[in-house]
Amino acid sequence: MASMRGESPLKILRASISRVVMVKLKDGSEFVGRLDMVDPTMNVVLSDATQISDGGEVPVTKFGRILIRGSQILYISTNYDQVKVLR
């Protein structure tokens, strides 16, 4: 974790493009998908997105590509294990 010290969240997100991430929204919704894009206001575009519930155990809805506004994001996990969602 010491190697990440001093790096901005935006730089970490940009390094995670094309990887599977989990995005948790302020309303409690969670989405898992491949990170396609992130902009300076933390808006993100996910492809092959799935809305999940119960901590990733239950897929709720599958989407193609979605845009999530940065102002609605609580946090983004860049080290998300997609195996739980794709059962």
N, C-alpha and C. Protein backbone atom coordinates (compact mmCIF):
# COMPACT_ATOMS: atom_id res chain seq x y z
N MET A 1 0.82 -1.18 0.00
CA MET A 1 0.00 0.00 0.00
C MET A 1 0.87 1.25 0.00
N ALA A 2 2.09 1.14 0.43
CA ALA A 2 2.98 2.29 0.47
C ALA A 2 3.24 2.84 -0.93
N SER A 3 3.17 1.99 -1.95
CA SER A 3 3.41 2.46 -3.31
C SER A 3 2.28 3.36 -3.81
N MET A 4 1.07 3.24 -3.21
CA MET A 4 -0.06 4.08 -3.63
C MET A 4 -0.07 5.42 -2.89
N ARG A 5 0.74 5.56 -1.86
CA ARG A 5 0.74 6.79 -1.09
C ARG A 5 1.14 7.96 -2.00
N GLY A 6 0.36 9.01 -1.95
CA GLY A 6 0.65 10.18 -2.76
C GLY A 6 -0.02 10.18 -4.13
N GLU A 7 -0.57 9.05 -4.56
CA GLU A 7 -1.26 9.01 -5.84
C GLU A 7 -2.69 9.49 -5.68
N SER A 8 -3.17 10.24 -6.64
CA SER A 8 -4.54 10.73 -6.58
C SER A 8 -5.52 9.61 -6.93
N PRO A 9 -6.74 9.69 -6.40
CA PRO A 9 -7.74 8.67 -6.74
C PRO A 9 -8.00 8.59 -8.25
N LEU A 10 -7.96 9.73 -8.91
CA LEU A 10 -8.19 9.75 -10.36
C LEU A 10 -7.10 8.98 -11.10
N LYS A 11 -5.87 9.11 -10.66
CA LYS A 11 -4.77 8.39 -11.29
C LYS A 11 -4.91 6.88 -11.08
N ILE A 12 -5.34 6.48 -9.88
CA ILE A 12 -5.56 5.07 -9.60
C ILE A 12 -6.69 4.52 -10.47
N LEU A 13 -7.78 5.30 -10.61
CA LEU A 13 -8.90 4.86 -11.46
C LEU A 13 -8.48 4.73 -12.91
N ARG A 14 -7.73 5.68 -13.40
CA ARG A 14 -7.28 5.61 -14.79
C ARG A 14 -6.39 4.40 -15.03
N ALA A 15 -5.62 4.01 -14.03
CA ALA A 15 -4.78 2.81 -14.14
C ALA A 15 -5.63 1.54 -14.13
N SER A 16 -6.88 1.65 -13.67
CA SER A 16 -7.77 0.49 -13.59
C SER A 16 -8.69 0.35 -14.80
N ILE A 17 -8.53 1.20 -15.80
CA ILE A 17 -9.36 1.08 -17.01
C ILE A 17 -9.13 -0.29 -17.63
N SER A 18 -10.22 -0.92 -18.07
CA SER A 18 -10.28 -2.27 -18.65
C SER A 18 -10.28 -3.37 -17.59
N ARG A 19 -10.29 -3.01 -16.33
CA ARG A 19 -10.37 -4.00 -15.26
C ARG A 19 -11.78 -4.00 -14.67
N VAL A 20 -12.15 -5.08 -14.00
CA VAL A 20 -13.45 -5.18 -13.35
C VAL A 20 -13.40 -4.42 -12.02
N VAL A 21 -14.38 -3.54 -11.82
CA VAL A 21 -14.47 -2.75 -10.59
C VAL A 21 -15.88 -2.87 -10.02
N MET A 22 -16.01 -2.51 -8.76
CA MET A 22 -17.32 -2.44 -8.11
C MET A 22 -17.53 -1.00 -7.67
N VAL A 23 -18.69 -0.44 -8.04
CA VAL A 23 -19.03 0.93 -7.70
C VAL A 23 -20.22 0.91 -6.74
N LYS A 24 -20.05 1.50 -5.56
CA LYS A 24 -21.15 1.60 -4.60
C LYS A 24 -21.65 3.04 -4.62
N LEU A 25 -22.97 3.19 -4.76
CA LEU A 25 -23.59 4.51 -4.81
C LEU A 25 -24.07 4.93 -3.43
N LYS A 26 -24.31 6.22 -3.29
CA LYS A 26 -24.77 6.78 -2.02
C LYS A 26 -26.09 6.19 -1.57
N ASP A 27 -26.93 5.74 -2.52
CA ASP A 27 -28.23 5.15 -2.15
C ASP A 27 -28.12 3.67 -1.77
N GLY A 28 -26.90 3.12 -1.79
CA GLY A 28 -26.68 1.73 -1.41
C GLY A 28 -26.59 0.77 -2.57
N SER A 29 -26.93 1.21 -3.79
CA SER A 29 -26.83 0.35 -4.97
C SER A 29 -25.38 0.02 -5.25
N GLU A 30 -25.16 -1.19 -5.78
CA GLU A 30 -23.81 -1.62 -6.15
C GLU A 30 -23.82 -2.13 -7.59
N PHE A 31 -22.80 -1.74 -8.35
CA PHE A 31 -22.66 -2.15 -9.74
C PHE A 31 -21.26 -2.72 -9.96
N VAL A 32 -21.19 -3.80 -10.71
CA VAL A 32 -19.91 -4.40 -11.08
C VAL A 32 -19.83 -4.39 -12.59
N GLY A 33 -18.67 -4.02 -13.12
CA GLY A 33 -18.48 -4.02 -14.56
C GLY A 33 -17.06 -3.65 -14.92
N ARG A 34 -16.77 -3.70 -16.21
CA ARG A 34 -15.45 -3.32 -16.71
C ARG A 34 -15.40 -1.80 -16.84
N LEU A 35 -14.39 -1.21 -16.23
CA LEU A 35 -14.24 0.25 -16.27
C LEU A 35 -13.75 0.67 -17.66
N ASP A 36 -14.60 1.42 -18.37
CA ASP A 36 -14.24 1.89 -19.71
C ASP A 36 -13.69 3.30 -19.71
N MET A 37 -14.20 4.15 -18.81
CA MET A 37 -13.80 5.55 -18.84
C MET A 37 -14.02 6.18 -17.47
N VAL A 38 -13.20 7.15 -17.15
CA VAL A 38 -13.38 7.99 -15.98
C VAL A 38 -12.96 9.41 -16.38
N ASP A 39 -13.71 10.41 -15.91
CA ASP A 39 -13.36 11.79 -16.25
C ASP A 39 -12.95 12.55 -14.98
N PRO A 40 -12.51 13.80 -15.11
CA PRO A 40 -12.03 14.55 -13.93
C PRO A 40 -13.07 14.75 -12.82
N THR A 41 -14.36 14.61 -13.12
CA THR A 41 -15.37 14.74 -12.07
C THR A 41 -15.80 13.37 -11.52
N MET A 42 -15.02 12.33 -11.83
CA MET A 42 -15.24 10.96 -11.37
C MET A 42 -16.49 10.30 -11.96
N ASN A 43 -17.05 10.86 -13.04
CA ASN A 43 -18.08 10.13 -13.77
C ASN A 43 -17.40 8.89 -14.34
N VAL A 44 -18.08 7.74 -14.28
CA VAL A 44 -17.48 6.52 -14.80
C VAL A 44 -18.42 5.85 -15.79
N VAL A 45 -17.85 5.15 -16.74
CA VAL A 45 -18.61 4.33 -17.69
C VAL A 45 -18.17 2.89 -17.47
N LEU A 46 -19.15 2.03 -17.23
CA LEU A 46 -18.90 0.59 -17.07
C LEU A 46 -19.54 -0.16 -18.22
N SER A 47 -18.86 -1.17 -18.73
CA SER A 47 -19.46 -2.05 -19.73
C SER A 47 -19.68 -3.42 -19.07
N ASP A 48 -20.59 -4.20 -19.63
CA ASP A 48 -20.97 -5.50 -19.06
C ASP A 48 -21.32 -5.34 -17.59
N ALA A 49 -22.07 -4.29 -17.28
CA ALA A 49 -22.39 -3.96 -15.89
C ALA A 49 -23.53 -4.82 -15.35
N THR A 50 -23.42 -5.14 -14.08
CA THR A 50 -24.44 -5.89 -13.37
C THR A 50 -24.71 -5.19 -12.05
N GLN A 51 -25.98 -4.97 -11.74
CA GLN A 51 -26.34 -4.45 -10.43
C GLN A 51 -26.41 -5.65 -9.49
N ILE A 52 -25.82 -5.52 -8.32
CA ILE A 52 -25.78 -6.64 -7.38
C ILE A 52 -26.39 -6.23 -6.04
N SER A 53 -26.73 -7.23 -5.24
CA SER A 53 -27.22 -6.97 -3.88
C SER A 53 -26.63 -8.00 -2.95
N ASP A 54 -26.87 -7.85 -1.67
CA ASP A 54 -26.37 -8.76 -0.64
C ASP A 54 -24.86 -8.93 -0.71
N GLY A 55 -24.15 -7.82 -0.85
CA GLY A 55 -22.69 -7.88 -0.86
C GLY A 55 -22.09 -8.61 -2.05
N GLY A 56 -22.78 -8.60 -3.16
CA GLY A 56 -22.26 -9.23 -4.37
C GLY A 56 -22.69 -10.67 -4.56
N GLU A 57 -23.51 -11.17 -3.69
CA GLU A 57 -23.95 -12.56 -3.80
C GLU A 57 -25.08 -12.76 -4.80
N VAL A 58 -25.93 -11.73 -5.01
CA VAL A 58 -27.11 -11.90 -5.84
C VAL A 58 -27.13 -10.85 -6.96
N PRO A 59 -27.02 -11.29 -8.25
CA PRO A 59 -27.17 -10.32 -9.34
C PRO A 59 -28.63 -9.88 -9.44
N VAL A 60 -28.86 -8.58 -9.57
CA VAL A 60 -30.21 -8.04 -9.63
C VAL A 60 -30.61 -7.79 -11.08
N THR A 61 -29.80 -7.02 -11.80
CA THR A 61 -30.10 -6.66 -13.18
C THR A 61 -28.80 -6.61 -13.97
N LYS A 62 -28.84 -7.09 -15.21
CA LYS A 62 -27.67 -7.00 -16.08
C LYS A 62 -27.89 -5.88 -17.09
N PHE A 63 -26.86 -5.09 -17.28
CA PHE A 63 -26.89 -3.97 -18.23
C PHE A 63 -25.78 -4.17 -19.25
N GLY A 64 -25.82 -3.41 -20.30
CA GLY A 64 -24.71 -3.37 -21.24
C GLY A 64 -23.71 -2.35 -20.74
N ARG A 65 -23.84 -1.14 -21.21
CA ARG A 65 -22.94 -0.04 -20.82
C ARG A 65 -23.75 0.98 -20.04
N ILE A 66 -23.18 1.44 -18.92
CA ILE A 66 -23.86 2.44 -18.10
C ILE A 66 -22.91 3.57 -17.74
N LEU A 67 -23.50 4.74 -17.52
CA LEU A 67 -22.78 5.91 -17.03
C LEU A 67 -23.24 6.16 -15.60
N ILE A 68 -22.29 6.32 -14.71
CA ILE A 68 -22.60 6.64 -13.32
C ILE A 68 -21.97 7.99 -13.00
N ARG A 69 -22.81 8.90 -12.52
CA ARG A 69 -22.32 10.24 -12.19
C ARG A 69 -21.43 10.20 -10.96
N GLY A 70 -20.33 10.91 -11.03
CA GLY A 70 -19.38 10.94 -9.92
C GLY A 70 -19.99 11.46 -8.63
N SER A 71 -20.96 12.37 -8.73
CA SER A 71 -21.57 12.94 -7.53
C SER A 71 -22.41 11.92 -6.77
N GLN A 72 -22.76 10.78 -7.40
CA GLN A 72 -23.57 9.76 -6.76
C GLN A 72 -22.74 8.59 -6.20
N ILE A 73 -21.42 8.63 -6.44
CA ILE A 73 -20.56 7.51 -6.04
C ILE A 73 -20.09 7.68 -4.60
N LEU A 74 -20.26 6.61 -3.82
CA LEU A 74 -19.74 6.58 -2.45
C LEU A 74 -18.29 6.10 -2.47
N TYR A 75 -18.04 4.97 -3.17
CA TYR A 75 -16.67 4.51 -3.35
C TYR A 75 -16.59 3.56 -4.54
N ILE A 76 -15.36 3.31 -5.00
CA ILE A 76 -15.10 2.38 -6.09
C ILE A 76 -14.02 1.41 -5.63
N SER A 77 -14.29 0.12 -5.76
CA SER A 77 -13.31 -0.90 -5.43
C SER A 77 -12.64 -1.35 -6.72
N THR A 78 -11.34 -1.12 -6.83
CA THR A 78 -10.61 -1.50 -8.04
C THR A 78 -10.07 -2.91 -7.97
N ASN A 79 -10.17 -3.55 -6.82
CA ASN A 79 -9.69 -4.93 -6.65
C ASN A 79 -10.88 -5.85 -6.39
N TYR A 80 -11.84 -5.81 -7.26
CA TYR A 80 -13.07 -6.57 -7.04
C TYR A 80 -12.98 -7.94 -7.69
N ASP A 81 -13.41 -8.97 -6.99
CA ASP A 81 -13.40 -10.34 -7.49
C ASP A 81 -14.72 -10.61 -8.21
N GLN A 82 -14.67 -10.74 -9.54
CA GLN A 82 -15.88 -10.90 -10.33
C GLN A 82 -16.47 -12.30 -10.26
N VAL A 83 -15.78 -13.25 -9.68
CA VAL A 83 -16.26 -14.63 -9.65
C VAL A 83 -17.57 -14.74 -8.91
N LYS A 84 -17.76 -13.95 -7.84
CA LYS A 84 -19.00 -14.02 -7.06
C LYS A 84 -20.20 -13.66 -7.90
N VAL A 85 -20.05 -12.71 -8.81
CA VAL A 85 -21.19 -12.20 -9.58
C VAL A 85 -21.52 -13.10 -10.75
N LEU A 86 -20.56 -13.78 -11.30
CA LEU A 86 -20.76 -14.51 -12.55
C LEU A 86 -21.12 -15.98 -12.35
N ARG A 87 -21.58 -16.37 -11.18
CA ARG A 87 -21.95 -17.78 -10.94
C ARG A 87 -23.04 -18.25 -11.84
